[in-house]
Amino acid sequence: MLIDRWPGVAWPVQSPPTDGFTGADHHDVVTAAFLVGTKVQVYNHSSVAGLDGWSIFMYAKLEEEDATNVTAARVLCVAESGGTPYDLTNEVATDLGPTVSPVAVCLGALTENSFGWYFVGGVVPEEWVSGLGGFYGADATTAAVDGACLMTTRDLSDADTTYGEIGFSKVNADTELLIGIAFATAVAV
């Protein structure tokens, strides 16, 4: 379960946009089709895929994209350093720097300077976006253990990393940061 740290209230809806959260009319488009920062929540049914529970999505802009670790499903993004609310990046050079930014998970490929939906909280919405299934990880040696989904704070641009390059700053002397709760112990990725 991802912890939603983005501002705003998520409105419960019965279903996603007509053509899904990754539909061509509003995902990876240069003109926003929804108000940027809009948050909605839909219920994920385990009878279809994943776990029962609410999932939260946010509409935002991919302001900067790393040239090597391009966006795809399950790539992590954070706030971009330009100061515009809801502008995101998966590139270390343009993130907010040594701060703890809320996490947004890409639903699929996005082009730089395009708009789309991101998974930002709740259970993984596998019923609504099939590419989000499976385990999330930050590096090849870290796994979710004892109910905590941990993200290492080292630079994630190493070659063994396939989840984007975003790293998070350390809290005091900690070496890991809690970004969510795992409902089952994950394996190393």
Protein backbone atom coordinates (compact mmCIF):
# COMPACT_ATOMS: atom_id res chain seq x y z
CA MET A 1 0.00 0.00 0.00
CA LEU A 2 1.51 3.31 -1.08
CA ILE A 3 1.15 6.25 1.31
CA ASP A 4 -0.41 9.28 -0.44
CA ARG A 5 1.53 12.42 0.52
CA TRP A 6 0.29 14.68 -2.29
CA PRO A 7 -1.93 17.65 -1.35
CA GLY A 8 -5.62 17.56 -2.09
CA VAL A 9 -8.58 15.30 -1.52
CA ALA A 10 -9.12 12.20 -3.63
CA TRP A 11 -12.72 12.00 -4.84
CA PRO A 12 -14.27 8.53 -4.86
CA VAL A 13 -15.50 7.50 -8.30
CA GLN A 14 -17.23 4.35 -9.47
CA SER A 15 -15.04 3.88 -12.54
CA PRO A 16 -11.98 5.38 -14.23
CA PRO A 17 -12.12 7.64 -17.29
CA THR A 18 -14.07 6.10 -20.19
CA ASP A 19 -10.97 4.71 -21.90
CA GLY A 20 -9.12 3.84 -18.68
CA PHE A 21 -6.40 5.70 -16.83
CA THR A 22 -3.95 5.23 -19.70
CA GLY A 23 -6.37 6.16 -22.51
CA ALA A 24 -5.02 8.05 -25.52
CA ASP A 25 -7.37 11.01 -24.97
CA HIS A 26 -5.77 12.04 -21.68
CA HIS A 27 -2.57 10.04 -21.01
CA ASP A 28 0.72 11.12 -22.61
CA VAL A 29 -0.91 14.22 -24.14
CA VAL A 30 0.59 17.72 -24.49
CA THR A 31 -2.59 19.52 -23.41
CA ALA A 32 -4.09 18.58 -20.05
CA ALA A 33 -7.44 16.82 -20.39
CA PHE A 34 -8.20 17.11 -16.65
CA LEU A 35 -7.37 19.77 -14.07
CA VAL A 36 -3.74 19.22 -13.08
CA GLY A 37 -3.61 17.94 -9.50
CA THR A 38 -7.00 16.22 -9.71
CA LYS A 39 -7.06 13.17 -7.44
CA VAL A 40 -9.58 10.37 -7.65
CA GLN A 41 -9.92 7.06 -5.85
CA VAL A 42 -11.39 3.87 -7.21
CA TYR A 43 -11.96 0.56 -5.50
CA ASN A 44 -9.72 -2.31 -6.59
CA HIS A 45 -11.46 -5.70 -6.50
CA SER A 46 -9.31 -8.73 -5.75
CA SER A 47 -11.76 -10.87 -7.74
CA VAL A 48 -10.37 -9.08 -10.83
CA ALA A 49 -6.70 -8.53 -9.84
CA GLY A 50 -4.60 -7.56 -6.85
CA LEU A 51 -5.93 -6.78 -3.39
CA ASP A 52 -9.26 -5.36 -2.22
CA GLY A 53 -9.03 -1.69 -1.30
CA TRP A 54 -9.00 1.91 -2.47
CA SER A 55 -6.43 3.17 -4.98
CA ILE A 56 -5.64 6.85 -5.50
CA PHE A 57 -4.67 8.41 -8.84
CA MET A 58 -3.44 11.94 -9.54
CA TYR A 59 -3.33 13.84 -12.85
CA ALA A 60 0.02 15.58 -13.35
CA LYS A 61 2.68 16.64 -15.84
CA LEU A 62 5.97 14.85 -16.52
CA GLU A 63 8.14 17.97 -16.72
CA GLU A 64 11.52 16.24 -17.05
CA GLU A 65 12.41 12.69 -18.05
CA ASP A 66 15.73 10.97 -17.54
CA ALA A 67 17.25 10.07 -20.91
CA THR A 68 18.44 6.65 -19.75
CA ASN A 69 15.76 5.53 -17.30
CA VAL A 70 12.73 6.45 -19.37
CA THR A 71 9.26 6.33 -17.87
CA ALA A 72 7.27 3.11 -17.94
CA ALA A 73 4.84 1.35 -15.62
CA ARG A 74 6.17 1.25 -12.03
CA VAL A 75 8.79 3.98 -12.54
CA LEU A 76 8.88 6.38 -9.58
CA CYS A 77 8.60 10.13 -10.02
CA VAL A 78 8.87 13.01 -7.54
CA ALA A 79 8.26 16.76 -7.60
CA GLU A 80 10.37 18.63 -10.16
CA SER A 81 12.59 21.48 -8.95
CA GLY A 82 11.03 24.20 -11.14
CA GLY A 83 8.48 25.09 -8.49
CA THR A 84 5.30 24.43 -10.48
CA PRO A 85 2.89 22.29 -8.45
CA TYR A 86 2.30 18.81 -9.88
CA ASP A 87 5.26 18.97 -12.29
CA LEU A 88 7.07 15.65 -11.89
CA THR A 89 10.40 14.12 -12.84
CA ASN A 90 12.19 10.78 -12.70
CA GLU A 91 15.55 12.49 -13.16
CA VAL A 92 17.89 13.14 -10.23
CA ALA A 93 19.33 16.27 -11.87
CA THR A 94 15.94 18.03 -11.84
CA ASP A 95 14.27 16.73 -8.68
CA LEU A 96 13.83 18.78 -5.51
CA GLY A 97 17.20 17.71 -4.18
CA PRO A 98 17.82 16.64 -0.58
CA THR A 99 14.22 16.54 0.53
CA VAL A 100 11.52 13.98 0.99
CA SER A 101 9.09 14.42 -1.88
CA PRO A 102 5.82 12.57 -2.29
CA VAL A 103 6.06 9.61 -4.66
CA ALA A 104 4.06 9.21 -7.88
CA VAL A 105 4.18 5.95 -9.84
CA CYS A 106 3.98 6.03 -13.65
CA LEU A 107 1.20 3.95 -15.17
CA GLY A 108 3.05 3.54 -18.45
CA ALA A 109 5.35 5.35 -20.85
CA LEU A 110 5.12 9.14 -20.91
CA THR A 111 6.83 11.72 -23.08
CA GLU A 112 8.62 14.63 -21.46
CA ASN A 113 6.26 17.63 -21.00
CA SER A 114 3.15 15.47 -21.29
CA PHE A 115 0.23 14.93 -18.92
CA GLY A 116 -1.15 11.72 -17.50
CA TRP A 117 -2.44 9.83 -14.48
CA TYR A 118 -0.13 8.52 -11.75
CA PHE A 119 -0.75 6.02 -8.94
CA VAL A 120 -0.12 7.93 -5.69
CA GLY A 121 -1.75 6.01 -2.87
CA GLY A 122 -3.61 2.99 -1.55
CA VAL A 123 -3.44 -0.57 -2.81
CA VAL A 124 -1.77 -1.24 -6.14
CA PRO A 125 -4.57 -0.70 -8.70
CA GLU A 126 -4.02 -3.88 -10.70
CA GLU A 127 -7.69 -4.07 -11.67
CA TRP A 128 -7.42 -0.69 -13.40
CA VAL A 129 -3.82 -0.75 -14.74
CA SER A 130 -2.43 -4.21 -15.44
CA GLY A 131 1.18 -3.03 -15.79
CA LEU A 132 1.36 -2.14 -12.10
CA GLY A 133 1.23 -5.70 -10.82
CA GLY A 134 4.20 -7.36 -9.15
CA PHE A 135 6.74 -6.19 -6.63
CA TYR A 136 8.21 -2.71 -6.46
CA GLY A 137 11.82 -2.24 -5.55
CA ALA A 138 14.51 0.34 -5.45
CA ASP A 139 17.61 -1.72 -6.08
CA ALA A 140 18.73 -5.29 -6.59
CA THR A 141 19.37 -5.95 -2.91
CA THR A 142 16.41 -4.37 -1.14
CA ALA A 143 13.09 -6.08 -0.58
CA ALA A 144 9.94 -5.40 1.39
CA VAL A 145 10.31 -7.03 4.80
CA ASP A 146 8.12 -7.22 7.90
CA GLY A 147 5.27 -5.29 6.30
CA ALA A 148 7.37 -2.25 5.34
CA CYS A 149 8.10 -1.31 1.75
CA LEU A 150 11.54 0.26 1.97
CA MET A 151 13.33 2.48 -0.52
CA THR A 152 17.09 2.76 -0.16
CA THR A 153 18.49 6.26 -0.06
CA ARG A 154 21.56 5.67 -2.19
CA ASP A 155 21.81 7.04 -5.72
CA LEU A 156 19.58 4.76 -7.78
CA SER A 157 21.18 5.50 -11.14
CA ASP A 158 23.31 2.35 -10.87
CA ALA A 159 23.16 -0.10 -13.73
CA ASP A 160 21.45 -2.75 -11.55
CA THR A 161 18.46 -0.48 -11.02
CA THR A 162 15.49 -0.72 -13.37
CA TYR A 163 12.92 1.32 -11.46
CA GLY A 164 14.11 4.80 -12.40
CA GLU A 165 16.88 6.72 -10.70
CA ILE A 166 15.07 8.70 -8.01
CA GLY A 167 16.73 8.49 -4.60
CA PHE A 168 15.39 9.99 -1.40
CA SER A 169 17.41 11.84 1.21
CA LYS A 170 18.34 10.15 4.46
CA VAL A 171 16.46 10.97 7.62
CA ASN A 172 19.17 11.55 10.24
CA ALA A 173 21.40 8.46 10.10
CA ASP A 174 18.75 6.18 8.59
CA THR A 175 19.61 4.32 5.43
CA GLU A 176 16.08 3.51 4.31
CA LEU A 177 12.82 5.38 3.94
CA LEU A 178 9.31 4.01 4.44
CA ILE A 179 7.21 4.76 1.35
CA GLY A 180 4.48 2.20 1.79
CA ILE A 181 3.33 -0.99 3.45
CA ALA A 182 3.72 -4.43 1.92
CA PHE A 183 0.98 -6.97 2.60
CA ALA A 184 3.36 -9.87 1.98
CA THR A 185 7.10 -10.21 2.26
CA ALA A 186 8.59 -9.45 -1.13
CA VAL A 187 11.56 -11.13 -2.71
CA ALA A 188 14.69 -9.28 -3.74
CA VAL A 189 14.26 -7.83 -7.21
